[in-house]
Amino acid sequence: MLGAGSLIFMEDADMRAACRAAQGATKYDYLDGYDARYFPPRFLCRLKQGGSYPAQVPGYVNPSLVLLSSLTIACASASWITRAKPAAHNIPEEGRAV
């Protein structure tokens, strides 16, 4: 589970492990806290001296979300534009109800 789904279920021990795995022990010793965002999905490890570094959410997740959202909007727009409209002129005269 990557992305926003995993951020929801992370506990403190998991957050520390994600920060340690992202940068190793060098910056882990200066860890001050965490910052989890769900839109766009990201997980930042805050340092005592200021600054932060990303952990847990891979870099391809946010561009993928933008691309898939754009494709969804394009497909929905195309289906709305090309939707079938009832054409009364295509019904033969003997088939029309009076």
PDB file of N, CA and C in Angstrom:
ATOM      1  N   MET A   1       0.837  -1.185   0.000  1.00  0.00           N
ATOM      2  CA  MET A   1       0.000   0.000   0.000  1.00  0.00           C
ATOM      3  C   MET A   1       0.879   1.244   0.000  1.00  0.00           C
ATOM      4  N   LEU A   2       0.860   1.949  -1.087  1.00  0.00           N
ATOM      5  CA  LEU A   2       1.626   3.184  -1.165  1.00  0.00           C
ATOM      6  C   LEU A   2       0.665   4.351  -1.297  1.00  0.00           C
ATOM      7  N   GLY A   3       1.170   5.529  -1.051  1.00  0.00           N
ATOM      8  CA  GLY A   3       0.351   6.714  -1.257  1.00  0.00           C
ATOM      9  C   GLY A   3      -0.512   7.050  -0.071  1.00  0.00           C
ATOM     10  N   ALA A   4      -1.640   7.706  -0.334  1.00  0.00           N
ATOM     11  CA  ALA A   4      -2.517   8.204   0.716  1.00  0.00           C
ATOM     12  C   ALA A   4      -3.074   7.077   1.578  1.00  0.00           C
ATOM     13  N   GLY A   5      -3.337   5.920   0.982  1.00  0.00           N
ATOM     14  CA  GLY A   5      -3.872   4.803   1.753  1.00  0.00           C
ATOM     15  C   GLY A   5      -2.946   4.383   2.874  1.00  0.00           C
ATOM     16  N   SER A   6      -1.661   4.340   2.603  1.00  0.00           N
ATOM     17  CA  SER A   6      -0.729   3.940   3.652  1.00  0.00           C
ATOM     18  C   SER A   6      -0.514   5.043   4.677  1.00  0.00           C
ATOM     19  N   LEU A   7      -0.688   6.290   4.291  1.00  0.00           N
ATOM     20  CA  LEU A   7      -0.527   7.385   5.244  1.00  0.00           C
ATOM     21  C   LEU A   7      -1.615   7.367   6.307  1.00  0.00           C
ATOM     22  N   ILE A   8      -2.804   6.927   5.930  1.00  0.00           N
ATOM     23  CA  ILE A   8      -3.921   6.906   6.875  1.00  0.00           C
ATOM     24  C   ILE A   8      -3.658   5.916   8.001  1.00  0.00           C
ATOM     25  N   PHE A   9      -3.062   4.774   7.683  1.00  0.00           N
ATOM     26  CA  PHE A   9      -2.900   3.712   8.668  1.00  0.00           C
ATOM     27  C   PHE A   9      -1.528   3.694   9.337  1.00  0.00           C
ATOM     28  N   MET A  10      -0.693   4.677   9.069  1.00  0.00           N
ATOM     29  CA  MET A  10       0.641   4.703   9.684  1.00  0.00           C
ATOM     30  C   MET A  10       0.545   5.103  11.154  1.00  0.00           C
ATOM     31  N   GLU A  11       1.299   4.416  11.987  1.00  0.00           N
ATOM     32  CA  GLU A  11       1.399   4.774  13.389  1.00  0.00           C
ATOM     33  C   GLU A  11       2.784   5.369  13.624  1.00  0.00           C
ATOM     34  N   ASP A  12       3.020   5.843  14.828  1.00  0.00           N
ATOM     35  CA  ASP A  12       4.273   6.533  15.135  1.00  0.00           C
ATOM     36  C   ASP A  12       5.500   5.675  14.819  1.00  0.00           C
ATOM     37  N   ALA A  13       5.468   4.412  15.171  1.00  0.00           N
ATOM     38  CA  ALA A  13       6.625   3.537  14.902  1.00  0.00           C
ATOM     39  C   ALA A  13       6.841   3.377  13.396  1.00  0.00           C
ATOM     40  N   ASP A  14       5.745   3.279  12.639  1.00  0.00           N
ATOM     41  CA  ASP A  14       5.864   3.159  11.186  1.00  0.00           C
ATOM     42  C   ASP A  14       6.423   4.442  10.574  1.00  0.00           C
ATOM     43  N   MET A  15       6.031   5.577  11.130  1.00  0.00           N
ATOM     44  CA  MET A  15       6.520   6.867  10.622  1.00  0.00           C
ATOM     45  C   MET A  15       8.017   6.998  10.864  1.00  0.00           C
ATOM     46  N   ARG A  16       8.449   6.616  12.047  1.00  0.00           N
ATOM     47  CA  ARG A  16       9.881   6.672  12.345  1.00  0.00           C
ATOM     48  C   ARG A  16      10.661   5.729  11.424  1.00  0.00           C
ATOM     49  N   ALA A  17      10.124   4.536  11.201  1.00  0.00           N
ATOM     50  CA  ALA A  17      10.804   3.568  10.327  1.00  0.00           C
ATOM     51  C   ALA A  17      10.880   4.092   8.895  1.00  0.00           C
ATOM     52  N   ALA A  18       9.819   4.771   8.423  1.00  0.00           N
ATOM     53  CA  ALA A  18       9.829   5.333   7.071  1.00  0.00           C
ATOM     54  C   ALA A  18      10.881   6.434   6.960  1.00  0.00           C
ATOM     55  N   CYS A  19      11.007   7.263   7.999  1.00  0.00           N
ATOM     56  CA  CYS A  19      12.021   8.328   7.986  1.00  0.00           C
ATOM     57  C   CYS A  19      13.428   7.742   8.023  1.00  0.00           C
ATOM     58  N   ARG A  20      13.618   6.703   8.813  1.00  0.00           N
ATOM     59  CA  ARG A  20      14.940   6.063   8.897  1.00  0.00           C
ATOM     60  C   ARG A  20      15.292   5.404   7.557  1.00  0.00           C
ATOM     61  N   ALA A  21      14.329   4.749   6.923  1.00  0.00           N
ATOM     62  CA  ALA A  21      14.587   4.080   5.648  1.00  0.00           C
ATOM     63  C   ALA A  21      14.876   5.086   4.534  1.00  0.00           C
ATOM     64  N   ALA A  22      14.275   6.263   4.621  1.00  0.00           N
ATOM     65  CA  ALA A  22      14.449   7.261   3.557  1.00  0.00           C
ATOM     66  C   ALA A  22      15.841   7.886   3.567  1.00  0.00           C
ATOM     67  N   GLN A  23      16.405   8.154   4.742  1.00  0.00           N
ATOM     68  CA  GLN A  23      17.688   8.858   4.812  1.00  0.00           C
ATOM     69  C   GLN A  23      18.752   8.149   5.641  1.00  0.00           C
ATOM     70  N   GLY A  24      18.414   7.061   6.260  1.00  0.00           N
ATOM     71  CA  GLY A  24      19.390   6.372   7.095  1.00  0.00           C
ATOM     72  C   GLY A  24      19.544   7.080   8.434  1.00  0.00           C
ATOM     73  N   ALA A  25      20.547   6.713   9.175  1.00  0.00           N
ATOM     74  CA  ALA A  25      20.737   7.246  10.528  1.00  0.00           C
ATOM     75  C   ALA A  25      21.292   8.657  10.539  1.00  0.00           C
ATOM     76  N   THR A  26      21.805   9.154   9.423  1.00  0.00           N
ATOM     77  CA  THR A  26      22.444  10.474   9.425  1.00  0.00           C
ATOM     78  C   THR A  26      21.453  11.576   9.793  1.00  0.00           C
ATOM     79  N   LYS A  27      20.342  11.641   9.112  1.00  0.00           N
ATOM     80  CA  LYS A  27      19.361  12.676   9.416  1.00  0.00           C
ATOM     81  C   LYS A  27      18.336  12.200  10.443  1.00  0.00           C
ATOM     82  N   TYR A  28      18.238  10.898  10.641  1.00  0.00           N
ATOM     83  CA  TYR A  28      17.252  10.341  11.569  1.00  0.00           C
ATOM     84  C   TYR A  28      17.504  10.826  12.989  1.00  0.00           C
ATOM     85  N   ASP A  29      18.763  11.043  13.350  1.00  0.00           N
ATOM     86  CA  ASP A  29      19.089  11.509  14.700  1.00  0.00           C
ATOM     87  C   ASP A  29      18.568  12.917  14.956  1.00  0.00           C
ATOM     88  N   TYR A  30      18.325  13.690  13.913  1.00  0.00           N
ATOM     89  CA  TYR A  30      17.848  15.066  14.049  1.00  0.00           C
ATOM     90  C   TYR A  30      16.356  15.185  13.789  1.00  0.00           C
ATOM     91  N   LEU A  31      15.646  14.081  13.841  1.00  0.00           N
ATOM     92  CA  LEU A  31      14.226  14.055  13.537  1.00  0.00           C
ATOM     93  C   LEU A  31      13.423  14.794  14.608  1.00  0.00           C
ATOM     94  N   ASP A  32      12.542  15.679  14.163  1.00  0.00           N
ATOM     95  CA  ASP A  32      11.721  16.463  15.080  1.00  0.00           C
ATOM     96  C   ASP A  32      10.245  16.070  15.013  1.00  0.00           C
ATOM     97  N   GLY A  33       9.762  15.663  13.853  1.00  0.00           N
ATOM     98  CA  GLY A  33       8.351  15.310  13.721  1.00  0.00           C
ATOM     99  C   GLY A  33       8.036  14.873  12.304  1.00  0.00           C
ATOM    100  N   TYR A  34       6.742  14.775  12.030  1.00  0.00           N
ATOM    101  CA  TYR A  34       6.276  14.280  10.731  1.00  0.00           C
ATOM    102  C   TYR A  34       5.201  15.212  10.200  1.00  0.00           C
ATOM    103  N   ASP A  35       5.039  15.167   8.924  1.00  0.00           N
ATOM    104  CA  ASP A  35       3.983  15.946   8.279  1.00  0.00           C
ATOM    105  C   ASP A  35       3.393  15.081   7.172  1.00  0.00           C
ATOM    106  N   ALA A  36       2.152  14.613   7.382  1.00  0.00           N
ATOM    107  CA  ALA A  36       1.479  13.775   6.393  1.00  0.00           C
ATOM    108  C   ALA A  36       0.394  14.597   5.714  1.00  0.00           C
ATOM    109  N   ARG A  37       0.401  14.617   4.417  1.00  0.00           N
ATOM    110  CA  ARG A  37      -0.629  15.313   3.631  1.00  0.00           C
ATOM    111  C   ARG A  37      -1.300  14.285   2.741  1.00  0.00           C
ATOM    112  N   TYR A  38      -2.585  14.475   2.527  1.00  0.00           N
ATOM    113  CA  TYR A  38      -3.342  13.505   1.740  1.00  0.00           C
ATOM    114  C   TYR A  38      -3.655  13.992   0.340  1.00  0.00           C
ATOM    115  N   PHE A  39      -3.651  15.300   0.121  1.00  0.00           N
ATOM    116  CA  PHE A  39      -3.836  15.822  -1.235  1.00  0.00           C
ATOM    117  C   PHE A  39      -2.924  17.005  -1.429  1.00  0.00           C
ATOM    118  N   PRO A  40      -1.911  16.918  -2.190  1.00  0.00           N
ATOM    119  CA  PRO A  40      -1.383  15.713  -2.829  1.00  0.00           C
ATOM    120  C   PRO A  40      -0.740  14.800  -1.787  1.00  0.00           C
ATOM    121  N   PRO A  41      -0.747  13.495  -2.032  1.00  0.00           N
ATOM    122  CA  PRO A  41      -0.180  12.579  -1.042  1.00  0.00           C
ATOM    123  C   PRO A  41       1.322  12.773  -0.885  1.00  0.00           C
ATOM    124  N   ARG A  42       1.725  13.001   0.349  1.00  0.00           N
ATOM    125  CA  ARG A  42       3.157  13.092   0.658  1.00  0.00           C
ATOM    126  C   ARG A  42       3.360  12.905   2.146  1.00  0.00           C
ATOM    127  N   PHE A  43       4.543  12.505   2.510  1.00  0.00           N
ATOM    128  CA  PHE A  43       4.916  12.288   3.900  1.00  0.00           C
ATOM    129  C   PHE A  43       6.296  12.890   4.081  1.00  0.00           C
ATOM    130  N   LEU A  44       6.394  13.904   4.934  1.00  0.00           N
ATOM    131  CA  LEU A  44       7.659  14.592   5.166  1.00  0.00           C
ATOM    132  C   LEU A  44       8.146  14.334   6.584  1.00  0.00           C
ATOM    133  N   CYS A  45       9.437  14.160   6.725  1.00  0.00           N
ATOM    134  CA  CYS A  45      10.077  14.029   8.028  1.00  0.00           C
ATOM    135  C   CYS A  45      10.720  15.377   8.345  1.00  0.00           C
ATOM    136  N   ARG A  46      10.272  16.031   9.413  1.00  0.00           N
ATOM    137  CA  ARG A  46      10.793  17.349   9.798  1.00  0.00           C
ATOM    138  C   ARG A  46      12.040  17.196  10.668  1.00  0.00           C
ATOM    139  N   LEU A  47      13.009  18.067  10.425  1.00  0.00           N
ATOM    140  CA  LEU A  47      14.270  18.044  11.163  1.00  0.00           C
ATOM    141  C   LEU A  47      14.300  19.147  12.211  1.00  0.00           C
ATOM    142  N   LYS A  48      15.047  18.931  13.296  1.00  0.00           N
ATOM    143  CA  LYS A  48      15.134  19.894  14.395  1.00  0.00           C
ATOM    144  C   LYS A  48      15.728  21.224  13.943  1.00  0.00           C
ATOM    145  N   GLN A  49      16.737  21.196  13.098  1.00  0.00           N
ATOM    146  CA  GLN A  49      17.395  22.425  12.651  1.00  0.00           C
ATOM    147  C   GLN A  49      16.628  23.100  11.518  1.00  0.00           C
ATOM    148  N   GLY A  50      15.452  22.611  11.196  1.00  0.00           N
ATOM    149  CA  GLY A  50      14.658  23.182  10.106  1.00  0.00           C
ATOM    150  C   GLY A  50      14.792  22.345   8.850  1.00  0.00           C
ATOM    151  N   GLY A  51      13.842  22.465   8.006  1.00  0.00           N
ATOM    152  CA  GLY A  51      13.843  21.688   6.774  1.00  0.00           C
ATOM    153  C   GLY A  51      13.150  20.356   6.946  1.00  0.00           C
ATOM    154  N   SER A  52      13.063  19.640   5.867  1.00  0.00           N
ATOM    155  CA  SER A  52      12.415  18.332   5.884  1.00  0.00           C
ATOM    156  C   SER A  52      12.882  17.527   4.680  1.00  0.00           C
ATOM    157  N   TYR A  53      12.571  16.248   4.692  1.00  0.00           N
ATOM    158  CA  TYR A  53      12.863  15.401   3.544  1.00  0.00           C
ATOM    159  C   TYR A  53      11.700  14.437   3.340  1.00  0.00           C
ATOM    160  N   PRO A  54      11.438  14.058   2.083  1.00  0.00           N
ATOM    161  CA  PRO A  54      10.298  13.188   1.788  1.00  0.00           C
ATOM    162  C   PRO A  54      10.583  11.732   2.127  1.00  0.00           C
ATOM    163  N   ALA A  55       9.539  11.030   2.516  1.00  0.00           N
ATOM    164  CA  ALA A  55       9.632   9.597   2.791  1.00  0.00           C
ATOM    165  C   ALA A  55       8.302   8.942   2.438  1.00  0.00           C
ATOM    166  N   GLN A  56       8.306   7.659   2.235  1.00  0.00           N
ATOM    167  CA  GLN A  56       7.138   6.797   2.067  1.00  0.00           C
ATOM    168  C   GLN A  56       6.415   6.922   0.735  1.00  0.00           C
ATOM    169  N   VAL A  57       6.101   8.104   0.251  1.00  0.00           N
ATOM    170  CA  VAL A  57       5.339   8.248  -0.995  1.00  0.00           C
ATOM    171  C   VAL A  57       6.323   8.399  -2.153  1.00  0.00           C
ATOM    172  N   PRO A  58       6.319   7.459  -3.101  1.00  0.00           N
ATOM    173  CA  PRO A  58       7.248   7.547  -4.237  1.00  0.00           C
ATOM    174  C   PRO A  58       6.989   8.787  -5.093  1.00  0.00           C
ATOM    175  N   GLY A  59       7.990   9.248  -5.779  1.00  0.00           N
ATOM    176  CA  GLY A  59       7.887  10.455  -6.580  1.00  0.00           C
ATOM    177  C   GLY A  59       6.951  10.355  -7.769  1.00  0.00           C
ATOM    178  N   TYR A  60       6.649   9.152  -8.232  1.00  0.00           N
ATOM    179  CA  TYR A  60       5.783   9.002  -9.400  1.00  0.00           C
ATOM    180  C   TYR A  60       4.292   9.063  -9.049  1.00  0.00           C
ATOM    181  N   VAL A  61       3.927   9.066  -7.784  1.00  0.00           N
ATOM    182  CA  VAL A  61       2.516   9.013  -7.396  1.00  0.00           C
ATOM    183  C   VAL A  61       1.774  10.285  -7.803  1.00  0.00           C
ATOM    184  N   ASN A  62       2.291  11.452  -7.460  1.00  0.00           N
ATOM    185  CA  ASN A  62       1.583  12.702  -7.763  1.00  0.00           C
ATOM    186  C   ASN A  62       1.459  12.972  -9.261  1.00  0.00           C
ATOM    187  N   PRO A  63       2.513  12.821 -10.069  1.00  0.00           N
ATOM    188  CA  PRO A  63       2.320  12.991 -11.516  1.00  0.00           C
ATOM    189  C   PRO A  63       1.330  11.975 -12.090  1.00  0.00           C
ATOM    190  N   SER A  64       1.324  10.763 -11.562  1.00  0.00           N
ATOM    191  CA  SER A  64       0.369   9.758 -12.024  1.00  0.00           C
ATOM    192  C   SER A  64      -1.064  10.179 -11.704  1.00  0.00           C
ATOM    193  N   LEU A  65      -1.270  10.736 -10.512  1.00  0.00           N
ATOM    194  CA  LEU A  65      -2.606  11.206 -10.146  1.00  0.00           C
ATOM    195  C   LEU A  65      -3.075  12.325 -11.071  1.00  0.00           C
ATOM    196  N   VAL A  66      -2.181  13.234 -11.405  1.00  0.00           N
ATOM    197  CA  VAL A  66      -2.538  14.328 -12.321  1.00  0.00           C
ATOM    198  C   VAL A  66      -2.890  13.764 -13.695  1.00  0.00           C
ATOM    199  N   LEU A  67      -2.084  12.853 -14.200  1.00  0.00           N
ATOM    200  CA  LEU A  67      -2.332  12.258 -15.512  1.00  0.00           C
ATOM    201  C   LEU A  67      -3.655  11.491 -15.537  1.00  0.00           C
ATOM    202  N   LEU A  68      -3.888  10.647 -14.542  1.00  0.00           N
ATOM    203  CA  LEU A  68      -5.114   9.852 -14.515  1.00  0.00           C
ATOM    204  C   LEU A  68      -6.355  10.732 -14.327  1.00  0.00           C
ATOM    205  N   SER A  69      -6.240  11.780 -13.531  1.00  0.00           N
ATOM    206  CA  SER A  69      -7.363  12.711 -13.363  1.00  0.00           C
ATOM    207  C   SER A  69      -7.660  13.429 -14.673  1.00  0.00           C
ATOM    208  N   SER A  70      -6.628  13.842 -15.377  1.00  0.00           N
ATOM    209  CA  SER A  70      -6.810  14.509 -16.668  1.00  0.00           C
ATOM    210  C   SER A  70      -7.462  13.573 -17.681  1.00  0.00           C
ATOM    211  N   LEU A  71      -7.016  12.323 -17.720  1.00  0.00           N
ATOM    212  CA  LEU A  71      -7.619  11.349 -18.632  1.00  0.00           C
ATOM    213  C   LEU A  71      -9.077  11.082 -18.285  1.00  0.00           C
ATOM    214  N   THR A  72      -9.389  11.043 -17.006  1.00  0.00           N
ATOM    215  CA  THR A  72     -10.772  10.836 -16.576  1.00  0.00           C
ATOM    216  C   THR A  72     -11.657  11.979 -17.036  1.00  0.00           C
ATOM    217  N   ILE A  73     -11.189  13.200 -16.856  1.00  0.00           N
ATOM    218  CA  ILE A  73     -11.957  14.378 -17.281  1.00  0.00           C
ATOM    219  C   ILE A  73     -12.104  14.391 -18.803  1.00  0.00           C
ATOM    220  N   ALA A  74     -11.045  14.056 -19.523  1.00  0.00           N
ATOM    221  CA  ALA A  74     -11.110  14.034 -20.990  1.00  0.00           C
ATOM    222  C   ALA A  74     -12.100  12.978 -21.485  1.00  0.00           C
ATOM    223  N   CYS A  75     -12.072  11.795 -20.901  1.00  0.00           N
ATOM    224  CA  CYS A  75     -12.998  10.731 -21.318  1.00  0.00           C
ATOM    225  C   CYS A  75     -14.446  11.090 -20.968  1.00  0.00           C
ATOM    226  N   ALA A  76     -14.663  11.656 -19.800  1.00  0.00           N
ATOM    227  CA  ALA A  76     -16.018  12.065 -19.420  1.00  0.00           C
ATOM    228  C   ALA A  76     -16.528  13.159 -20.345  1.00  0.00           C
ATOM    229  N   SER A  77     -15.667  14.103 -20.689  1.00  0.00           N
ATOM    230  CA  SER A  77     -16.060  15.181 -21.603  1.00  0.00           C
ATOM    231  C   SER A  77     -16.370  14.632 -22.990  1.00  0.00           C
ATOM    232  N   ALA A  78     -15.540  13.729 -23.473  1.00  0.00           N
ATOM    233  CA  ALA A  78     -15.764  13.139 -24.795  1.00  0.00           C
ATOM    234  C   ALA A  78     -17.061  12.344 -24.836  1.00  0.00           C
ATOM    235  N   SER A  79     -17.363  11.615 -23.774  1.00  0.00           N
ATOM    236  CA  SER A  79     -18.601  10.839 -23.764  1.00  0.00           C
ATOM    237  C   SER A  79     -19.818  11.756 -23.673  1.00  0.00           C
ATOM    238  N   TRP A  80     -19.694  12.878 -22.986  1.00  0.00           N
ATOM    239  CA  TRP A  80     -20.798  13.818 -22.886  1.00  0.00           C
ATOM    240  C   TRP A  80     -21.041  14.504 -24.237  1.00  0.00           C
ATOM    241  N   ILE A  81     -19.967  14.857 -24.919  1.00  0.00           N
ATOM    242  CA  ILE A  81     -20.095  15.546 -26.210  1.00  0.00           C
ATOM    243  C   ILE A  81     -20.663  14.620 -27.275  1.00  0.00           C
ATOM    244  N   THR A  82     -20.224  13.369 -27.268  1.00  0.00           N
ATOM    245  CA  THR A  82     -20.635  12.436 -28.327  1.00  0.00           C
ATOM    246  C   THR A  82     -21.806  11.546 -27.922  1.00  0.00           C
ATOM    247  N   ARG A  83     -22.495  11.876 -26.858  1.00  0.00           N
ATOM    248  CA  ARG A  83     -23.608  11.041 -26.407  1.00  0.00           C
ATOM    249  C   ARG A  83     -24.681  10.969 -27.486  1.00  0.00           C
ATOM    250  N   ALA A  84     -25.391   9.869 -27.514  1.00  0.00           N
ATOM    251  CA  ALA A  84     -26.432   9.656 -28.528  1.00  0.00           C
ATOM    252  C   ALA A  84     -27.636  10.531 -28.195  1.00  0.00           C
ATOM    253  N   LYS A  85     -28.061  11.285 -29.163  1.00  0.00           N
ATOM    254  CA  LYS A  85     -29.237  12.121 -28.998  1.00  0.00           C
ATOM    255  C   LYS A  85     -30.387  11.451 -29.746  1.00  0.00           C
ATOM    256  N   PRO A  86     -31.584  11.452 -29.167  1.00  0.00           N
ATOM    257  CA  PRO A  86     -32.705  10.854 -29.879  1.00  0.00           C
ATOM    258  C   PRO A  86     -32.972  11.622 -31.170  1.00  0.00           C
ATOM    259  N   ALA A  87     -33.051  10.890 -32.248  1.00  0.00           N
ATOM    260  CA  ALA A  87     -33.266  11.514 -33.556  1.00  0.00           C
ATOM    261  C   ALA A  87     -34.649  11.117 -34.057  1.00  0.00           C
ATOM    262  N   ALA A  88     -35.592  12.021 -33.966  1.00  0.00           N
ATOM    263  CA  ALA A  88     -36.962  11.737 -34.388  1.00  0.00           C
ATOM    264  C   ALA A  88     -37.049  11.571 -35.891  1.00  0.00           C
ATOM    265  N   HIS A  89     -36.149  12.188 -36.629  1.00  0.00           N
ATOM    266  CA  HIS A  89     -36.211  12.109 -38.084  1.00  0.00           C
ATOM    267  C   HIS A  89     -35.778  10.744 -38.621  1.00  0.00           C
ATOM    268  N   ASN A  90     -35.184   9.891 -37.793  1.00  0.00           N
ATOM    269  CA  ASN A  90     -34.760   8.567 -38.230  1.00  0.00           C
ATOM    270  C   ASN A  90     -35.863   7.521 -38.099  1.00  0.00           C
ATOM    271  N   ILE A  91     -36.978   7.841 -37.444  1.00  0.00           N
ATOM    272  CA  ILE A  91     -38.047   6.887 -37.251  1.00  0.00           C
ATOM    273  C   ILE A  91     -38.956   6.915 -38.483  1.00  0.00           C
ATOM    274  N   PRO A  92     -39.242   5.772 -39.075  1.00  0.00           N
ATOM    275  CA  PRO A  92     -40.116   5.761 -40.263  1.00  0.00           C
ATOM    276  C   PRO A  92     -41.517   6.275 -39.902  1.00  0.00           C
ATOM    277  N   GLU A  93     -42.192   6.824 -40.906  1.00  0.00           N
ATOM    278  CA  GLU A  93     -43.517   7.417 -40.711  1.00  0.00           C
ATOM    279  C   GLU A  93     -44.515   6.417 -40.121  1.00  0.00           C
ATOM    280  N   GLU A  94     -44.518   5.184 -40.597  1.00  0.00           N
ATOM    281  CA  GLU A  94     -45.494   4.213 -40.087  1.00  0.00           C
ATOM    282  C   GLU A  94     -45.198   3.788 -38.666  1.00  0.00           C
ATOM    283  N   GLY A  95     -43.983   4.041 -38.197  1.00  0.00           N
ATOM    284  CA  GLY A  95     -43.612   3.657 -36.835  1.00  0.00           C
ATOM    285  C   GLY A  95     -43.878   4.754 -35.815  1.00  0.00           C
ATOM    286  N   ARG A  96     -44.193   5.938 -36.239  1.00  0.00           N
ATOM    287  CA  ARG A  96     -44.419   7.044 -35.312  1.00  0.00           C
ATOM    288  C   ARG A  96     -45.774   6.907 -34.628  1.00  0.00           C
ATOM    289  N   ALA A  97     -45.757   7.209 -33.360  1.00  0.00           N
ATOM    290  CA  ALA A  97     -47.023   7.219 -32.627  1.00  0.00           C
ATOM    291  C   ALA A  97     -47.705   8.558 -32.835  1.00  0.00           C
ATOM    292  N   VAL A  98     -48.990   8.536 -32.973  1.00  0.00           N
ATOM    293  CA  VAL A  98     -49.752   9.772 -33.216  1.00  0.00           C
ATOM    294  C   VAL A  98     -50.375  10.277 -31.974  1.00  0.00           C
TER     295      VAL A  98
END
